[in-house]
Every structure is written in C-alpha cells, then in structure tokens.
C-alpha atoms as a PDB file:
ATOM      1  CA  MET A   1       4.792  24.142 -12.650  1.00  0.00           C
ATOM      2  CA  GLY A   2       7.253  25.634 -15.114  1.00  0.00           C
ATOM      3  CA  TYR A   3      10.657  24.168 -15.842  1.00  0.00           C
ATOM      4  CA  LEU A   4      11.140  20.680 -14.411  1.00  0.00           C
ATOM      5  CA  LYS A   5      14.616  20.007 -13.005  1.00  0.00           C
ATOM      6  CA  ILE A   6      15.786  16.621 -11.774  1.00  0.00           C
ATOM      7  CA  ILE A   7      19.113  15.833 -10.114  1.00  0.00           C
ATOM      8  CA  LEU A   8      20.699  12.423 -10.772  1.00  0.00           C
ATOM      9  CA  SER A   9      22.490  10.663  -7.931  1.00  0.00           C
ATOM     10  CA  LYS A  10      25.675   8.682  -8.561  1.00  0.00           C
ATOM     11  CA  SER A  11      23.806   5.420  -7.929  1.00  0.00           C
ATOM     12  CA  ALA A  12      21.099   6.373 -10.467  1.00  0.00           C
ATOM     13  CA  CYS A  13      23.725   7.267 -13.102  1.00  0.00           C
ATOM     14  CA  GLN A  14      25.466   3.920 -12.571  1.00  0.00           C
ATOM     15  CA  PHE A  15      22.143   2.016 -12.689  1.00  0.00           C
ATOM     16  CA  ILE A  16      21.134   3.766 -15.937  1.00  0.00           C
ATOM     17  CA  LYS A  17      24.506   3.016 -17.572  1.00  0.00           C
ATOM     18  CA  ASN A  18      24.570  -0.626 -16.427  1.00  0.00           C
ATOM     19  CA  LYS A  19      21.047  -1.311 -17.719  1.00  0.00           C
ATOM     20  CA  ASN A  20      21.412   0.801 -20.924  1.00  0.00           C
ATOM     21  CA  ILE A  21      18.262   2.738 -20.047  1.00  0.00           C
ATOM     22  CA  GLU A  22      17.334   5.699 -22.259  1.00  0.00           C
ATOM     23  CA  ASP A  23      13.802   6.452 -21.024  1.00  0.00           C
ATOM     24  CA  VAL A  24      11.999   6.045 -17.722  1.00  0.00           C
ATOM     25  CA  THR A  25       8.347   6.679 -16.975  1.00  0.00           C
ATOM     26  CA  PHE A  26       7.149   7.197 -13.408  1.00  0.00           C
ATOM     27  CA  LYS A  27       3.568   5.988 -13.439  1.00  0.00           C
ATOM     28  CA  LEU A  28       1.011   6.095 -10.639  1.00  0.00           C
ATOM     29  CA  MET A  29      -0.198   2.561  -9.924  1.00  0.00           C
ATOM     30  CA  GLU A  30      -3.343   1.876  -7.886  1.00  0.00           C
ATOM     31  CA  PHE A  31      -3.983  -1.494  -6.252  1.00  0.00           C
ATOM     32  CA  ARG A  32      -7.287  -2.443  -4.628  1.00  0.00           C
ATOM     33  CA  VAL A  33      -6.782  -4.495  -1.467  1.00  0.00           C
ATOM     34  CA  ALA A  34      -9.825  -6.720  -0.925  1.00  0.00           C
ATOM     35  CA  SER A  35      -9.420  -7.844   2.684  1.00  0.00           C
ATOM     36  CA  CYS A  36      -7.982  -4.676   4.147  1.00  0.00           C
ATOM     37  CA  CYS A  37      -9.374  -1.480   5.641  1.00  0.00           C
ATOM     38  CA  VAL A  38      -6.988   0.610   3.466  1.00  0.00           C
ATOM     39  CA  GLY A  39      -8.993   0.035   0.266  1.00  0.00           C
ATOM     40  CA  ILE A  40      -6.665   1.377  -2.438  1.00  0.00           C
ATOM     41  CA  ILE A  41      -2.882   1.507  -2.237  1.00  0.00           C
ATOM     42  CA  LYS A  42      -1.104   3.987  -4.512  1.00  0.00           C
ATOM     43  CA  GLU A  43       2.536   3.591  -5.548  1.00  0.00           C
ATOM     44  CA  ILE A  44       4.892   5.327  -7.960  1.00  0.00           C
ATOM     45  CA  GLU A  45       6.296   2.686 -10.312  1.00  0.00           C
ATOM     46  CA  PRO A  46       9.303   3.194 -12.618  1.00  0.00           C
ATOM     47  CA  ILE A  47       8.877   1.724 -16.107  1.00  0.00           C
ATOM     48  CA  TYR A  48      11.973   1.755 -18.322  1.00  0.00           C
ATOM     49  CA  THR A  49      10.296   2.845 -21.555  1.00  0.00           C
ATOM     50  CA  ALA A  50       8.648   6.050 -22.780  1.00  0.00           C
ATOM     51  CA  PRO A  51       4.846   6.208 -22.535  1.00  0.00           C
ATOM     52  CA  LYS A  52       2.861   5.580 -25.733  1.00  0.00           C
ATOM     53  CA  ASP A  53       0.929   8.821 -25.147  1.00  0.00           C
ATOM     54  CA  ALA A  54       3.020  11.429 -23.323  1.00  0.00           C
ATOM     55  CA  SER A  55       0.209  13.985 -23.010  1.00  0.00           C
ATOM     56  CA  GLY A  56      -0.532  12.939 -19.408  1.00  0.00           C
ATOM     57  CA  TYR A  57       3.108  13.266 -18.329  1.00  0.00           C
ATOM     58  CA  ARG A  58       5.620  15.941 -17.375  1.00  0.00           C
ATOM     59  CA  TYR A  59       8.889  15.640 -19.303  1.00  0.00           C
ATOM     60  CA  CYS A  60      12.501  16.331 -18.413  1.00  0.00           C
ATOM     61  CA  GLN A  61      15.784  15.461 -20.083  1.00  0.00           C
ATOM     62  CA  VAL A  62      18.911  14.947 -17.971  1.00  0.00           C
ATOM     63  CA  ASP A  63      22.251  14.023 -19.556  1.00  0.00           C
ATOM     64  CA  GLY A  64      20.496  12.642 -22.658  1.00  0.00           C
ATOM     65  CA  PHE A  65      18.196  10.521 -20.497  1.00  0.00           C
ATOM     66  CA  HIS A  66      14.411  11.066 -20.925  1.00  0.00           C
ATOM     67  CA  ILE A  67      12.197  11.159 -17.831  1.00  0.00           C
ATOM     68  CA  PHE A  68       8.392  11.165 -17.904  1.00  0.00           C
ATOM     69  CA  ILE A  69       6.404  11.791 -14.688  1.00  0.00           C
ATOM     70  CA  SER A  70       2.656  11.215 -14.539  1.00  0.00           C
ATOM     71  CA  ARG A  71       0.714  14.420 -13.946  1.00  0.00           C
ATOM     72  CA  LYS A  72      -1.207  12.526 -11.230  1.00  0.00           C
ATOM     73  CA  ILE A  73       1.974  12.377  -9.115  1.00  0.00           C
ATOM     74  CA  ARG A  74       2.412  15.251  -6.638  1.00  0.00           C
ATOM     75  CA  ILE A  75       5.682  17.183  -6.761  1.00  0.00           C
ATOM     76  CA  LEU A  76       6.628  18.020  -3.165  1.00  0.00           C
ATOM     77  CA  GLY A  77      10.045  19.580  -3.535  1.00  0.00           C
ATOM     78  CA  PRO A  78      13.311  19.289  -5.404  1.00  0.00           C
ATOM     79  CA  LEU A  79      13.308  16.129  -7.521  1.00  0.00           C
ATOM     80  CA  LYS A  80      16.194  13.695  -7.300  1.00  0.00           C
ATOM     81  CA  LEU A  81      16.551  10.396  -9.102  1.00  0.00           C
ATOM     82  CA  THR A  82      18.153   7.745  -6.884  1.00  0.00           C
ATOM     83  CA  THR A  83      18.000   3.965  -6.506  1.00  0.00           C
ATOM     84  CA  GLU A  84      16.290   1.827  -3.893  1.00  0.00           C
ATOM     85  CA  GLY A  85      16.387  -1.839  -2.942  1.00  0.00           C
ATOM     86  CA  LEU A  86      19.217  -4.145  -1.974  1.00  0.00           C
ATOM     87  CA  TRP A  87      18.888  -7.126  -4.322  1.00  0.00           C
ATOM     88  CA  ASN A  88      16.271  -5.937  -6.758  1.00  0.00           C
ATOM     89  CA  LYS A  89      17.348  -2.346  -7.398  1.00  0.00           C
ATOM     90  CA  ARG A  90      15.133   0.134  -9.201  1.00  0.00           C
ATOM     91  CA  LEU A  91      15.032   3.856  -9.825  1.00  0.00           C
ATOM     92  CA  PHE A  92      13.284   6.009  -7.221  1.00  0.00           C
ATOM     93  CA  LEU A  93      12.027   9.579  -7.589  1.00  0.00           C
ATOM     94  CA  SER A  94      12.482  11.470  -4.320  1.00  0.00           C
ATOM     95  CA  GLY A  95      10.642  14.764  -3.899  1.00  0.00           C
ATOM     96  CA  ALA A  96       7.431  13.262  -5.322  1.00  0.00           C
ATOM     97  CA  ALA A  97       4.500  11.383  -3.781  1.00  0.00           C
ATOM     98  CA  ALA A  98       1.303   9.610  -4.693  1.00  0.00           C
ATOM     99  CA  PRO A  99      -1.818  11.722  -4.162  1.00  0.00           C
ATOM    100  CA  PRO A 100      -3.904  11.034  -1.035  1.00  0.00           C
END
C-alpha cells in the first residue's frame, strides 16, 4: 500500500486534545481463551505512545498527530479515526480489521 491517509472525526480530535495525546499505536493483540471453542481472540488495541521499534508498523501523520498501525492489521477501506465506548472512551480505527 502506498500513501496512508487517515481521516479524523470530530470526536477523535476532541479526545486527542483533551488527553494531550501526540502518538497512538494500533497494535494487534492476541488472547488465548482456555475454556472456549474459539481458541484465539484477536483485537486491535490503541496504545497512546509510539512503538519502540517502528519497523513493523505503517506510519501516518495527521494534524501533527503521529499514528502507527501494525503491519499485521488488515486495511479494508478508507481509514477513519473515531472514538468508541460510553464511559471508558478510546480511539478506534475504522476501515481496519484483525486478520482471520
């Protein structure tokens, strides 16, 4: 994939300003579920720091804000940074998914 473009929603801009966030890393997390037929659950987790080694990440800068996306995460369509959650808000990357 060439140039990476991400659109920021109004809620994401407000969240970033309120929390004084400069960097966000979207990392693929894998959880093994012992007593379940699913086996491994994969989730995209936002971490509000830059990765120590950025070689395994795609990079984009939007309005002075640095975004790192794990290369393991599938890009499905246009990327948009929004928020999710009612009480415990966090950033969410729409247009991306965990691999099967």
